[in-house]
Amino acid sequence: MKEKILHKFGEVFGDTTGVKTYFAPGRVNLIGEHTDYNGGHVFPCALTIGTYGAARQRADRKLRFYSMNFEQLGVLESSLDGLKPEKEADWTNYPKGVMWAFEKRGFEIPYGMDLLLFGNIPNGSGLSSSASVEVLTGFVLRDMFGFDVTNQDLALIGQYSENNFNGVNCGIMDQFAIAMGKKDHAIFLDTADLSFEYAPIQLEGAKIVIACSNKKRGLGDSKYNERRSECETALAELQEVVGIKSLGDLTEEQFEQYQTAVKDEVRRKRARHAVYENQRTIKAVAALKANDIEQFGQLMNASRVSLQDDYEVTGIELDTLVEEAWKIDGVIGSRMTGAGFGGCTVSIVKTDAIDSFIEKVGAEYLKKIGYAADFYVVEIGDGPSVI
């Protein structure tokens, strides 16, 4: 891959003198969906697919961007001067947003750069191609200019830029999982205070399989911000009767006790999902530590039911992928992952059932939906690196 992007960089920008190459992973969340902005726990891991970059410092303030995924756009030129939030311009909003966020934090970026990217994360899949680009850009800036920031800072800067430059009200999970990834481990993260631990993922005789629905969606134009606001209103209503900072502070029993404080039935369902999903995530990590992969799978399945019924973020594509997965012998657990409304499912599948899983689920999906899903058998990888 390094040779491929260097070759393209030379083609696009003239030569490869002084160019360095980088990688930042995508991520998948095993359980804990729509909990990260509700002060709950999440359990994501970095993947070995992600975003590759080749970058070279310039002697002026110019920015030149090229994506091998959007070659039809050609070289997109900009400048470090006058970076300002723009609504949905093009993909360069993500790297520009990170540069803008660094400067907001007081890091002066002295020179521009030529930056070429290639991602092998399916676009709009819910595996966080945007957060991968953000973390990669931050990593490049740190490497190029020697900024004193940790990988955790890179995650926070990426989230800040997506919230304030791109106008997507995302939580911290995506950027954190990508910046802090560790091979063969998932990250048990408490989004309320960013305390975390690495949990080894030992799937004896099983693998993680991602099914991409190929239904295009963007976080910003999905109902993501609407769900977030429903939860914020529900939290404010609950705070009238119980001393909590976030929905993640409640146990299931406390929620049942106080739920009537939430005046609207729809908001009550949204809050129920946030509370119960957080508890499921805590239980799932305990099950993994006890080497009870079957229990982990059952909690994944329960998570999906809640995302369909209480949070209503699945849709026919994701429902079909999960329901067909559940019919296959050898599927330990399957659920949608990411924001929903399209994107991907994540399944834990016994190794000897993977071929049959892909064939049968793929055939049924094509028959019902009318276009094909893509399947990826993935490994858990490290965070960003120089390659």
Protein backbone atom coordinates (compact mmCIF):
# COMPACT_ATOMS: atom_id res chain seq x y z
CA MET A 1 0.00 0.00 0.00
CA LYS A 2 2.87 2.38 0.78
CA GLU A 3 4.28 2.01 -2.75
CA LYS A 4 0.81 2.52 -4.25
CA ILE A 5 0.16 5.83 -2.47
CA LEU A 6 3.72 7.11 -3.01
CA HIS A 7 3.44 6.36 -6.71
CA LYS A 8 0.12 8.22 -6.90
CA PHE A 9 1.53 11.13 -4.88
CA GLY A 10 4.36 11.47 -7.42
CA GLU A 11 1.85 11.41 -10.28
CA VAL A 12 -0.42 14.02 -8.71
CA PHE A 13 2.09 16.38 -7.06
CA GLY A 14 5.11 15.99 -9.35
CA ASP A 15 7.61 14.06 -7.22
CA THR A 16 7.92 12.28 -3.85
CA THR A 17 10.84 14.17 -2.28
CA GLY A 18 10.29 14.64 1.46
CA VAL A 19 7.03 12.65 1.55
CA LYS A 20 6.05 10.55 4.58
CA THR A 21 3.31 7.91 4.66
CA TYR A 22 0.80 7.26 7.43
CA PHE A 23 -2.12 5.05 8.43
CA ALA A 24 -5.11 5.52 10.74
CA PRO A 25 -7.63 2.68 11.26
CA GLY A 26 -11.38 2.54 10.98
CA ARG A 27 -13.33 1.24 13.94
CA VAL A 28 -16.23 -1.01 14.75
CA ASN A 29 -18.23 -0.87 17.95
CA LEU A 30 -18.92 -4.33 19.36
CA ILE A 31 -21.62 -3.13 21.75
CA GLY A 32 -22.73 0.17 23.32
CA GLU A 33 -24.51 2.09 20.56
CA HIS A 34 -25.78 5.66 20.99
CA THR A 35 -24.45 5.62 24.56
CA ASP A 36 -21.38 7.76 23.94
CA TYR A 37 -23.21 11.09 23.97
CA ASN A 38 -25.39 9.90 26.86
CA GLY A 39 -22.51 9.52 29.32
CA GLY A 40 -22.44 5.74 29.02
CA HIS A 41 -19.93 3.03 28.14
CA VAL A 42 -18.88 1.89 24.68
CA PHE A 43 -16.81 -1.07 23.51
CA PRO A 44 -15.16 -0.32 20.15
CA CYS A 45 -12.00 -1.64 18.54
CA ALA A 46 -9.72 -0.34 15.79
CA LEU A 47 -9.57 -2.32 12.56
CA THR A 48 -6.80 -3.17 10.14
CA ILE A 49 -8.70 -1.35 7.37
CA GLY A 50 -8.60 2.42 7.43
CA THR A 51 -7.12 5.53 5.82
CA TYR A 52 -3.67 5.74 4.25
CA GLY A 53 -2.04 9.11 3.76
CA ALA A 54 1.03 10.58 2.08
CA ALA A 55 1.99 14.08 3.19
CA ARG A 56 4.67 16.66 2.47
CA GLN A 57 5.22 20.00 4.11
CA ARG A 58 5.15 23.04 1.82
CA ALA A 59 7.13 26.27 2.06
CA ASP A 60 3.97 28.42 1.80
CA ARG A 61 0.50 28.48 3.40
CA LYS A 62 -1.18 26.55 0.58
CA LEU A 63 -3.07 23.28 1.14
CA ARG A 64 -3.42 20.81 -1.72
CA PHE A 65 -5.60 17.74 -1.23
CA TYR A 66 -6.15 14.67 -3.37
CA SER A 67 -8.24 11.57 -2.60
CA MET A 68 -7.81 8.33 -4.51
CA ASN A 69 -11.42 7.60 -3.50
CA PHE A 70 -12.71 10.75 -5.22
CA GLU A 71 -10.35 11.02 -8.17
CA GLN A 72 -13.00 12.77 -10.25
CA LEU A 73 -12.59 15.83 -7.99
CA GLY A 74 -8.90 16.18 -8.87
CA VAL A 75 -6.59 18.29 -6.70
CA LEU A 76 -8.52 20.53 -4.32
CA GLU A 77 -6.65 23.67 -3.29
CA SER A 78 -7.14 25.71 -0.16
CA SER A 79 -5.12 27.77 2.29
CA LEU A 80 -4.37 27.78 6.01
CA ASP A 81 -5.46 31.42 5.98
CA GLY A 82 -9.15 31.95 6.48
CA LEU A 83 -10.11 28.36 7.37
CA LYS A 84 -13.68 28.57 8.56
CA PRO A 85 -16.52 26.13 9.12
CA GLU A 86 -18.45 25.44 5.95
CA LYS A 87 -21.55 23.33 5.54
CA GLU A 88 -20.88 20.16 3.54
CA ALA A 89 -18.37 21.44 1.02
CA ASP A 90 -16.49 18.25 0.13
CA TRP A 91 -14.32 15.64 1.85
CA THR A 92 -11.56 18.19 2.51
CA ASN A 93 -13.78 19.67 5.24
CA TYR A 94 -12.50 16.86 7.51
CA PRO A 95 -8.75 17.55 7.29
CA LYS A 96 -9.34 21.32 7.14
CA GLY A 97 -11.54 21.06 10.23
CA VAL A 98 -8.73 19.38 12.17
CA MET A 99 -6.25 22.08 11.12
CA TRP A 100 -8.75 24.71 12.22
CA ALA A 101 -9.25 22.89 15.55
CA PHE A 102 -5.48 22.71 16.19
CA GLU A 103 -5.22 26.46 15.68
CA LYS A 104 -8.22 27.00 17.99
CA ARG A 105 -6.20 25.12 20.64
CA GLY A 106 -3.33 27.53 20.19
CA PHE A 107 -1.12 25.40 17.92
CA GLU A 108 0.07 27.60 15.10
CA ILE A 109 0.48 25.65 11.85
CA PRO A 110 3.34 27.47 10.11
CA TYR A 111 3.18 25.88 6.67
CA GLY A 112 0.71 24.21 4.39
CA MET A 113 0.99 20.70 2.97
CA ASP A 114 0.25 18.44 0.06
CA LEU A 115 -1.89 15.58 1.35
CA LEU A 116 -3.00 12.49 -0.58
CA LEU A 117 -5.44 10.02 0.99
CA PHE A 118 -6.67 6.55 0.18
CA GLY A 119 -9.25 4.79 2.33
CA ASN A 120 -10.22 1.13 2.19
CA ILE A 121 -13.11 1.63 4.61
CA PRO A 122 -16.38 1.40 2.65
CA ASN A 123 -17.78 4.94 2.37
CA GLY A 124 -20.87 5.71 4.46
CA SER A 125 -20.58 2.28 6.06
CA GLY A 126 -20.61 3.39 9.67
CA LEU A 127 -17.02 2.24 10.22
CA SER A 128 -15.94 5.83 10.74
CA SER A 129 -14.14 6.87 7.60
CA SER A 130 -14.57 10.52 8.64
CA ALA A 131 -13.07 10.02 12.12
CA SER A 132 -10.25 8.00 10.55
CA VAL A 133 -9.42 10.96 8.28
CA GLU A 134 -9.56 13.34 11.28
CA VAL A 135 -7.20 11.26 13.43
CA LEU A 136 -4.86 10.72 10.47
CA THR A 137 -4.71 14.48 9.83
CA GLY A 138 -3.98 15.21 13.49
CA PHE A 139 -1.30 12.53 13.54
CA VAL A 140 0.32 14.03 10.42
CA LEU A 141 0.27 17.53 11.95
CA ARG A 142 1.87 16.27 15.17
CA ASP A 143 4.56 14.40 13.23
CA MET A 144 5.22 17.24 10.80
CA PHE A 145 5.36 20.14 13.25
CA GLY A 146 6.26 18.42 16.55
CA PHE A 147 3.09 19.51 18.37
CA ASP A 148 2.92 18.35 21.99
CA VAL A 149 -0.33 16.38 21.91
CA THR A 150 -1.16 12.84 23.01
CA ASN A 151 -3.21 10.35 21.01
CA GLN A 152 -6.09 11.08 23.38
CA ASP A 153 -5.75 14.78 22.49
CA LEU A 154 -5.92 13.80 18.80
CA ALA A 155 -9.27 12.12 19.52
CA LEU A 156 -10.64 15.19 21.32
CA ILE A 157 -9.41 17.56 18.60
CA GLY A 158 -11.02 15.34 15.94
CA GLN A 159 -14.34 15.32 17.80
CA TYR A 160 -14.16 19.10 18.33
CA SER A 161 -13.59 19.68 14.62
CA GLU A 162 -16.44 17.38 13.59
CA ASN A 163 -18.82 19.07 16.07
CA ASN A 164 -17.85 22.64 15.31
CA PHE A 165 -16.44 22.66 11.77
CA ASN A 166 -18.57 19.95 10.18
CA GLY A 167 -21.69 20.53 12.28
CA VAL A 168 -22.14 16.87 13.27
CA ASN A 169 -22.96 16.46 16.94
CA CYS A 170 -20.97 13.20 17.33
CA GLY A 171 -19.76 11.74 20.60
CA ILE A 172 -16.13 10.88 21.38
CA MET A 173 -16.23 7.14 20.65
CA ASP A 174 -15.13 7.03 16.99
CA GLN A 175 -12.10 9.27 17.31
CA PHE A 176 -11.09 7.70 20.63
CA ALA A 177 -11.26 4.12 19.31
CA ILE A 178 -9.16 5.08 16.28
CA ALA A 179 -6.55 7.17 18.10
CA MET A 180 -6.18 4.71 21.00
CA GLY A 181 -6.54 1.40 19.13
CA LYS A 182 -4.55 -1.64 20.29
CA LYS A 183 -4.10 -4.87 18.37
CA ASP A 184 -6.38 -7.73 19.49
CA HIS A 185 -8.01 -5.53 22.16
CA ALA A 186 -11.26 -3.60 22.35
CA ILE A 187 -11.52 -0.43 24.42
CA PHE A 188 -13.96 -0.38 27.33
CA LEU A 189 -14.49 3.37 27.53
CA ASP A 190 -16.57 5.34 30.01
CA THR A 191 -17.53 8.35 27.90
CA ALA A 192 -18.53 10.33 31.00
CA ASP A 193 -14.91 10.78 32.16
CA LEU A 194 -12.81 9.09 29.40
CA SER A 195 -11.51 6.44 31.80
CA PHE A 196 -10.86 3.27 29.86
CA GLU A 197 -9.31 -0.16 29.90
CA TYR A 198 -8.13 -2.46 27.14
CA ALA A 199 -9.94 -5.79 27.07
CA PRO A 200 -8.33 -8.63 25.12
CA ILE A 201 -10.61 -10.11 22.46
CA GLN A 202 -9.97 -13.83 22.27
CA LEU A 203 -12.46 -15.38 19.91
CA GLU A 204 -11.40 -19.01 19.95
CA GLY A 205 -12.59 -20.51 16.68
CA ALA A 206 -14.62 -17.41 15.70
CA LYS A 207 -14.08 -14.14 13.84
CA ILE A 208 -15.65 -10.71 13.52
CA VAL A 209 -17.54 -10.31 10.25
CA ILE A 210 -18.82 -6.92 9.11
CA ALA A 211 -21.68 -6.78 6.64
CA CYS A 212 -21.98 -3.45 4.85
CA SER A 213 -25.56 -2.72 3.74
CA ASN A 214 -24.36 -0.35 0.97
CA LYS A 215 -27.22 1.96 1.85
CA LYS A 216 -25.61 5.37 1.74
CA ARG A 217 -26.08 7.66 4.68
CA GLY A 218 -24.34 10.59 6.29
CA LEU A 219 -24.33 11.22 10.04
CA GLY A 220 -25.36 14.83 9.52
CA ASP A 221 -28.36 14.09 7.33
CA SER A 222 -29.54 11.10 9.35
CA LYS A 223 -31.79 11.51 12.35
CA TYR A 224 -28.71 11.36 14.57
CA ASN A 225 -28.98 14.93 15.86
CA GLU A 226 -32.72 14.39 16.46
CA ARG A 227 -32.06 11.32 18.65
CA ARG A 228 -29.45 13.24 20.55
CA SER A 229 -31.85 16.06 21.27
CA GLU A 230 -34.60 13.63 22.37
CA CYS A 231 -32.17 12.15 24.89
CA GLU A 232 -31.12 15.59 26.14
CA THR A 233 -34.74 16.53 26.78
CA ALA A 234 -35.42 13.19 28.53
CA LEU A 235 -32.34 13.73 30.71
CA ALA A 236 -33.53 17.22 31.72
CA GLU A 237 -36.92 15.76 32.72
CA LEU A 238 -35.29 12.98 34.77
CA GLN A 239 -32.99 15.49 36.47
CA GLU A 240 -36.10 17.09 37.98
CA VAL A 241 -36.57 13.95 40.12
CA VAL A 242 -33.14 12.30 40.45
CA GLY A 243 -29.62 13.68 40.87
CA ILE A 244 -27.84 12.51 37.70
CA LYS A 245 -25.42 14.11 35.26
CA SER A 246 -26.21 11.80 32.34
CA LEU A 247 -28.49 8.91 31.35
CA GLY A 248 -25.43 6.69 31.80
CA ASP A 249 -25.63 7.32 35.57
CA LEU A 250 -28.88 5.34 35.89
CA THR A 251 -29.25 1.63 36.57
CA GLU A 252 -32.14 -0.26 34.94
CA GLU A 253 -33.98 -0.31 38.31
CA GLN A 254 -33.61 3.46 38.76
CA PHE A 255 -34.86 4.06 35.23
CA GLU A 256 -37.97 1.94 35.89
CA GLN A 257 -38.52 3.87 39.11
CA TYR A 258 -38.23 7.36 37.61
CA GLN A 259 -39.23 6.92 33.96
CA THR A 260 -42.65 8.59 34.34
CA ALA A 261 -40.78 11.89 34.74
CA VAL A 262 -40.19 11.68 30.97
CA LYS A 263 -43.45 13.10 29.68
CA ASP A 264 -43.39 11.79 26.12
CA GLU A 265 -43.53 8.05 25.27
CA VAL A 266 -41.07 8.39 22.37
CA ARG A 267 -38.51 10.21 24.54
CA ARG A 268 -39.01 7.56 27.23
CA LYS A 269 -38.10 4.83 24.73
CA ARG A 270 -34.99 6.73 23.65
CA ALA A 271 -33.87 7.13 27.28
CA ARG A 272 -34.66 3.47 28.02
CA HIS A 273 -32.34 2.40 25.22
CA ALA A 274 -29.52 4.66 26.48
CA VAL A 275 -29.80 3.31 30.05
CA TYR A 276 -30.24 -0.38 29.20
CA GLU A 277 -27.60 -0.34 26.44
CA ASN A 278 -25.07 1.11 28.86
CA GLN A 279 -25.78 -1.71 31.35
CA ARG A 280 -25.60 -4.30 28.55
CA THR A 281 -22.15 -3.00 27.62
CA ILE A 282 -20.90 -3.33 31.20
CA LYS A 283 -22.29 -6.89 31.35
CA ALA A 284 -20.81 -7.77 27.95
CA VAL A 285 -17.29 -6.84 29.02
CA ALA A 286 -17.71 -8.87 32.22
CA ALA A 287 -18.86 -11.83 30.08
CA LEU A 288 -15.80 -11.49 27.86
CA LYS A 289 -13.50 -11.42 30.89
CA ALA A 290 -15.18 -14.62 32.09
CA ASN A 291 -14.58 -16.12 28.63
CA ASP A 292 -18.34 -16.44 28.13
CA ILE A 293 -18.58 -15.58 24.45
CA GLU A 294 -22.12 -17.02 24.21
CA GLN A 295 -23.36 -14.50 26.80
CA PHE A 296 -21.53 -11.73 24.93
CA GLY A 297 -23.39 -12.78 21.76
CA GLN A 298 -26.76 -12.76 23.53
CA LEU A 299 -26.12 -9.21 24.75
CA MET A 300 -25.22 -8.15 21.18
CA ASN A 301 -28.56 -9.59 20.04
CA ALA A 302 -30.43 -7.76 22.82
CA SER A 303 -28.67 -4.54 21.84
CA ARG A 304 -29.99 -4.87 18.30
CA VAL A 305 -33.60 -5.40 19.49
CA SER A 306 -33.37 -2.22 21.58
CA LEU A 307 -31.88 -0.26 18.66
CA GLN A 308 -34.79 -1.39 16.50
CA ASP A 309 -37.67 -1.02 18.96
CA ASP A 310 -36.68 1.75 21.40
CA TYR A 311 -34.19 3.82 19.42
CA GLU A 312 -35.63 3.16 15.95
CA VAL A 313 -32.40 3.57 14.02
CA THR A 314 -32.21 0.31 12.08
CA GLY A 315 -34.31 0.22 8.90
CA ILE A 316 -35.07 -2.65 6.53
CA GLU A 317 -31.46 -3.06 5.31
CA LEU A 318 -29.89 -3.55 8.73
CA ASP A 319 -32.90 -5.56 9.96
CA THR A 320 -32.55 -7.95 7.04
CA LEU A 321 -28.82 -8.45 7.60
CA VAL A 322 -29.29 -9.22 11.31
CA GLU A 323 -32.42 -11.37 10.98
CA GLU A 324 -30.78 -13.50 8.26
CA ALA A 325 -27.59 -13.75 10.35
CA TRP A 326 -29.57 -15.09 13.31
CA LYS A 327 -30.82 -17.99 11.16
CA ILE A 328 -27.29 -19.29 10.52
CA ASP A 329 -25.78 -21.97 12.74
CA GLY A 330 -22.47 -20.70 14.05
CA VAL A 331 -23.52 -17.06 14.52
CA ILE A 332 -22.78 -16.20 18.17
CA GLY A 333 -24.22 -12.68 18.00
CA SER A 334 -25.17 -10.05 15.43
CA ARG A 335 -26.24 -6.42 15.64
CA MET A 336 -26.15 -3.15 13.75
CA THR A 337 -23.14 -0.96 14.53
CA GLY A 338 -22.63 2.78 14.10
CA ALA A 339 -25.29 5.45 13.92
CA GLY A 340 -27.80 3.33 12.01
CA PHE A 341 -30.05 4.25 9.08
CA GLY A 342 -27.83 2.17 6.81
CA GLY A 343 -24.21 1.35 7.39
CA CYS A 344 -23.10 -1.99 8.81
CA THR A 345 -23.79 -4.93 11.04
CA VAL A 346 -21.17 -6.65 13.14
CA SER A 347 -21.40 -10.38 13.80
CA ILE A 348 -19.28 -12.87 15.69
CA VAL A 349 -19.27 -16.00 13.56
CA LYS A 350 -17.63 -19.38 14.13
CA THR A 351 -14.80 -19.72 11.65
CA ASP A 352 -16.18 -22.82 9.95
CA ALA A 353 -19.53 -21.07 9.35
CA ILE A 354 -18.16 -17.89 7.74
CA ASP A 355 -18.43 -18.99 4.10
CA SER A 356 -21.99 -20.21 4.55
CA PHE A 357 -22.86 -17.03 6.52
CA ILE A 358 -21.63 -14.76 3.70
CA GLU A 359 -23.30 -16.82 1.01
CA LYS A 360 -26.72 -17.22 2.66
CA VAL A 361 -27.06 -13.79 4.25
CA GLY A 362 -25.78 -12.21 1.01
CA ALA A 363 -28.28 -14.08 -1.15
CA GLU A 364 -31.27 -13.25 1.05
CA TYR A 365 -30.23 -9.61 1.30
CA LEU A 366 -29.92 -9.28 -2.48
CA LYS A 367 -33.32 -10.93 -2.96
CA LYS A 368 -35.09 -8.71 -0.42
CA ILE A 369 -33.30 -5.37 -0.87
CA GLY A 370 -32.44 -5.50 -4.57
CA TYR A 371 -28.72 -4.77 -4.34
CA ALA A 372 -25.78 -6.59 -2.77
CA ALA A 373 -24.20 -6.26 0.65
CA ASP A 374 -20.41 -6.48 1.08
CA PHE A 375 -18.78 -8.66 3.73
CA TYR A 376 -15.47 -8.12 5.51
CA VAL A 377 -13.80 -10.61 7.83
CA VAL A 378 -11.80 -8.19 9.97
CA GLU A 379 -8.91 -8.21 12.40
CA ILE A 380 -8.47 -5.86 15.36
CA GLY A 381 -5.51 -3.54 14.79
CA ASP A 382 -3.47 -0.74 16.33
CA GLY A 383 -4.03 3.03 16.32
CA PRO A 384 -2.40 5.54 13.92
CA SER A 385 1.17 5.01 12.72
CA VAL A 386 3.89 6.13 10.34
CA ILE A 387 4.31 3.45 7.67
